C-alpha atoms as a PDB file:
ATOM      1  CA  MET A   1      39.716  -1.892 -24.430  1.00  0.00           C
ATOM      2  CA  THR A   2      38.596   1.163 -26.371  1.00  0.00           C
ATOM      3  CA  GLU A   3      40.519   2.109 -29.486  1.00  0.00           C
ATOM      4  CA  SER A   4      41.673   5.700 -29.559  1.00  0.00           C
ATOM      5  CA  LEU A   5      40.235   7.587 -32.526  1.00  0.00           C
ATOM      6  CA  PRO A   6      40.754  11.196 -33.593  1.00  0.00           C
ATOM      7  CA  ALA A   7      37.982  13.450 -32.381  1.00  0.00           C
ATOM      8  CA  ALA A   8      35.291  13.870 -35.010  1.00  0.00           C
ATOM      9  CA  VAL A   9      35.380  17.655 -34.693  1.00  0.00           C
ATOM     10  CA  ASP A  10      39.132  17.643 -35.470  1.00  0.00           C
ATOM     11  CA  TRP A  11      38.905  15.250 -38.409  1.00  0.00           C
ATOM     12  CA  GLU A  12      38.214  17.978 -40.982  1.00  0.00           C
ATOM     13  CA  ALA A  13      41.345  19.850 -39.856  1.00  0.00           C
ATOM     14  CA  SER A  14      43.519  16.932 -41.004  1.00  0.00           C
ATOM     15  CA  PRO A  15      45.203  17.098 -44.425  1.00  0.00           C
ATOM     16  CA  SER A  16      42.659  16.869 -47.190  1.00  0.00           C
ATOM     17  CA  ASP A  17      42.333  13.509 -48.843  1.00  0.00           C
ATOM     18  CA  ARG A  18      39.625  14.610 -51.259  1.00  0.00           C
ATOM     19  CA  PRO A  19      41.900  14.295 -54.360  1.00  0.00           C
ATOM     20  CA  ALA A  20      42.747  10.707 -53.371  1.00  0.00           C
ATOM     21  CA  TYR A  21      39.071   9.963 -52.768  1.00  0.00           C
ATOM     22  CA  ALA A  22      38.108  11.446 -56.144  1.00  0.00           C
ATOM     23  CA  ALA A  23      40.768   9.325 -57.871  1.00  0.00           C
ATOM     24  CA  ALA A  24      39.558   6.189 -56.063  1.00  0.00           C
ATOM     25  CA  VAL A  25      35.960   6.914 -57.031  1.00  0.00           C
ATOM     26  CA  THR A  26      37.028   7.357 -60.665  1.00  0.00           C
ATOM     27  CA  ALA A  27      38.945   4.086 -60.522  1.00  0.00           C
ATOM     28  CA  GLY A  28      35.866   2.389 -59.036  1.00  0.00           C
ATOM     29  CA  GLN A  29      33.971   3.086 -62.259  1.00  0.00           C
ATOM     30  CA  TYR A  30      30.628   3.624 -60.517  1.00  0.00           C
ATOM     31  CA  LEU A  31      27.880   3.884 -63.106  1.00  0.00           C
ATOM     32  CA  ASP A  32      25.432   6.695 -63.648  1.00  0.00           C
ATOM     33  CA  GLY A  33      22.252   5.869 -61.725  1.00  0.00           C
ATOM     34  CA  SER A  34      23.775   3.225 -59.483  1.00  0.00           C
ATOM     35  CA  ALA A  35      23.369   2.863 -55.720  1.00  0.00           C
ATOM     36  CA  VAL A  36      26.659   3.172 -53.842  1.00  0.00           C
ATOM     37  CA  ALA A  37      27.625   3.230 -50.181  1.00  0.00           C
ATOM     38  CA  ASP A  38      30.616   4.732 -48.423  1.00  0.00           C
ATOM     39  CA  ILE A  39      31.247   2.214 -45.664  1.00  0.00           C
ATOM     40  CA  GLY A  40      32.806   3.900 -42.652  1.00  0.00           C
ATOM     41  CA  CYS A  41      32.257   7.304 -44.241  1.00  0.00           C
ATOM     42  CA  GLY A  42      33.719   9.243 -41.331  1.00  0.00           C
ATOM     43  CA  THR A  43      33.016  12.917 -41.911  1.00  0.00           C
ATOM     44  CA  GLY A  44      31.756  12.224 -45.423  1.00  0.00           C
ATOM     45  CA  ARG A  45      34.583  13.642 -47.498  1.00  0.00           C
ATOM     46  CA  ALA A  46      34.109  11.058 -50.287  1.00  0.00           C
ATOM     47  CA  LEU A  47      30.348  11.604 -50.579  1.00  0.00           C
ATOM     48  CA  PRO A  48      30.511  14.501 -53.086  1.00  0.00           C
ATOM     49  CA  ALA A  49      32.755  12.478 -55.442  1.00  0.00           C
ATOM     50  CA  LEU A  50      30.389   9.518 -55.190  1.00  0.00           C
ATOM     51  CA  ARG A  51      27.423  11.757 -55.988  1.00  0.00           C
ATOM     52  CA  GLN A  52      29.213  13.114 -59.035  1.00  0.00           C
ATOM     53  CA  ALA A  53      29.974   9.561 -60.214  1.00  0.00           C
ATOM     54  CA  VAL A  54      26.391   8.275 -59.956  1.00  0.00           C
ATOM     55  CA  SER A  55      24.752  11.579 -60.975  1.00  0.00           C
ATOM     56  CA  ASP A  56      21.360  12.758 -59.818  1.00  0.00           C
ATOM     57  CA  HIS A  57      19.880   9.448 -60.949  1.00  0.00           C
ATOM     58  CA  GLY A  58      21.878   7.412 -58.413  1.00  0.00           C
ATOM     59  CA  GLN A  59      21.727   6.898 -54.689  1.00  0.00           C
ATOM     60  CA  VAL A  60      24.525   7.637 -52.225  1.00  0.00           C
ATOM     61  CA  LEU A  61      24.585   6.194 -48.714  1.00  0.00           C
ATOM     62  CA  GLY A  62      27.081   6.903 -45.959  1.00  0.00           C
ATOM     63  CA  THR A  63      27.369   4.486 -43.051  1.00  0.00           C
ATOM     64  CA  GLU A  64      29.426   4.985 -39.936  1.00  0.00           C
ATOM     65  CA  VAL A  65      29.473   3.340 -36.513  1.00  0.00           C
ATOM     66  CA  THR A  66      30.404   6.627 -34.866  1.00  0.00           C
ATOM     67  CA  ALA A  67      27.491   9.009 -34.399  1.00  0.00           C
ATOM     68  CA  GLN A  68      29.904  11.905 -33.785  1.00  0.00           C
ATOM     69  CA  MET A  69      31.459  11.389 -37.223  1.00  0.00           C
ATOM     70  CA  LEU A  70      28.031  11.399 -38.851  1.00  0.00           C
ATOM     71  CA  THR A  71      27.218  14.651 -37.116  1.00  0.00           C
ATOM     72  CA  GLN A  72      30.264  16.150 -38.822  1.00  0.00           C
ATOM     73  CA  ALA A  73      29.306  14.460 -42.131  1.00  0.00           C
ATOM     74  CA  ARG A  74      26.046  16.377 -42.462  1.00  0.00           C
ATOM     75  CA  HIS A  75      27.718  19.189 -44.415  1.00  0.00           C
ATOM     76  CA  HIS A  76      29.115  16.841 -47.054  1.00  0.00           C
ATOM     77  CA  SER A  77      26.002  14.672 -47.121  1.00  0.00           C
ATOM     78  CA  SER A  78      23.687  17.596 -47.803  1.00  0.00           C
ATOM     79  CA  ARG A  79      25.863  18.770 -50.703  1.00  0.00           C
ATOM     80  CA  ALA A  80      25.982  15.207 -52.046  1.00  0.00           C
ATOM     81  CA  ARG A  81      22.322  14.485 -51.279  1.00  0.00           C
ATOM     82  CA  ALA A  82      23.453  11.354 -49.447  1.00  0.00           C
ATOM     83  CA  ALA A  83      21.543   9.405 -46.835  1.00  0.00           C
ATOM     84  CA  LEU A  84      23.466   8.869 -43.594  1.00  0.00           C
ATOM     85  CA  HIS A  85      23.049   5.965 -41.197  1.00  0.00           C
ATOM     86  CA  THR A  86      24.731   5.088 -37.940  1.00  0.00           C
ATOM     87  CA  ALA A  87      25.316   1.423 -38.625  1.00  0.00           C
ATOM     88  CA  ASP A  88      27.764  -1.416 -38.815  1.00  0.00           C
ATOM     89  CA  ILE A  89      27.560  -2.660 -42.398  1.00  0.00           C
ATOM     90  CA  THR A  90      27.943  -6.248 -41.174  1.00  0.00           C
ATOM     91  CA  ASP A  91      24.551  -5.917 -39.478  1.00  0.00           C
ATOM     92  CA  SER A  92      22.244  -8.429 -41.170  1.00  0.00           C
ATOM     93  CA  ARG A  93      19.574  -5.823 -41.970  1.00  0.00           C
ATOM     94  CA  TRP A  94      21.811  -4.440 -44.727  1.00  0.00           C
ATOM     95  CA  ARG A  95      21.571  -7.741 -46.620  1.00  0.00           C
ATOM     96  CA  ARG A  96      18.061  -6.749 -47.692  1.00  0.00           C
ATOM     97  CA  HIS A  97      19.317  -3.665 -49.512  1.00  0.00           C
ATOM     98  CA  ALA A  98      20.881  -3.898 -52.939  1.00  0.00           C
ATOM     99  CA  LEU A  99      23.984  -1.869 -53.665  1.00  0.00           C
ATOM    100  CA  ASP A 100      25.744  -1.612 -56.987  1.00  0.00           C
ATOM    101  CA  GLY A 101      29.024  -0.578 -55.422  1.00  0.00           C
ATOM    102  CA  ILE A 102      30.808   0.206 -52.195  1.00  0.00           C
ATOM    103  CA  PHE A 103      33.547   2.626 -51.274  1.00  0.00           C
ATOM    104  CA  ALA A 104      35.712   2.212 -48.197  1.00  0.00           C
ATOM    105  CA  ALA A 105      38.854   4.126 -47.321  1.00  0.00           C
ATOM    106  CA  GLY A 106      41.136   4.236 -44.338  1.00  0.00           C
END
């Protein structure tokens, strides 16, 4: 059975959750220079807030299992200078990479 998901191209037309994401990032207390990942980043709307939290010294990663969502996330990822990966974070290859924090919403 395939779960029905909103079309990636329509996702950005939904009500903006950027203020909620910014508040959650602030509450997460990510440190300047840390490496953080948005797990299931969707269209990348939280990536700019994560970049602001970790500054230019940090690293921001967006992971998503849906390639179509990542295609839509390119706009936000370029502004946030975030690396994007089509991946399931439970994949064992991610265990080799150190992260200081994660963000996941929805």
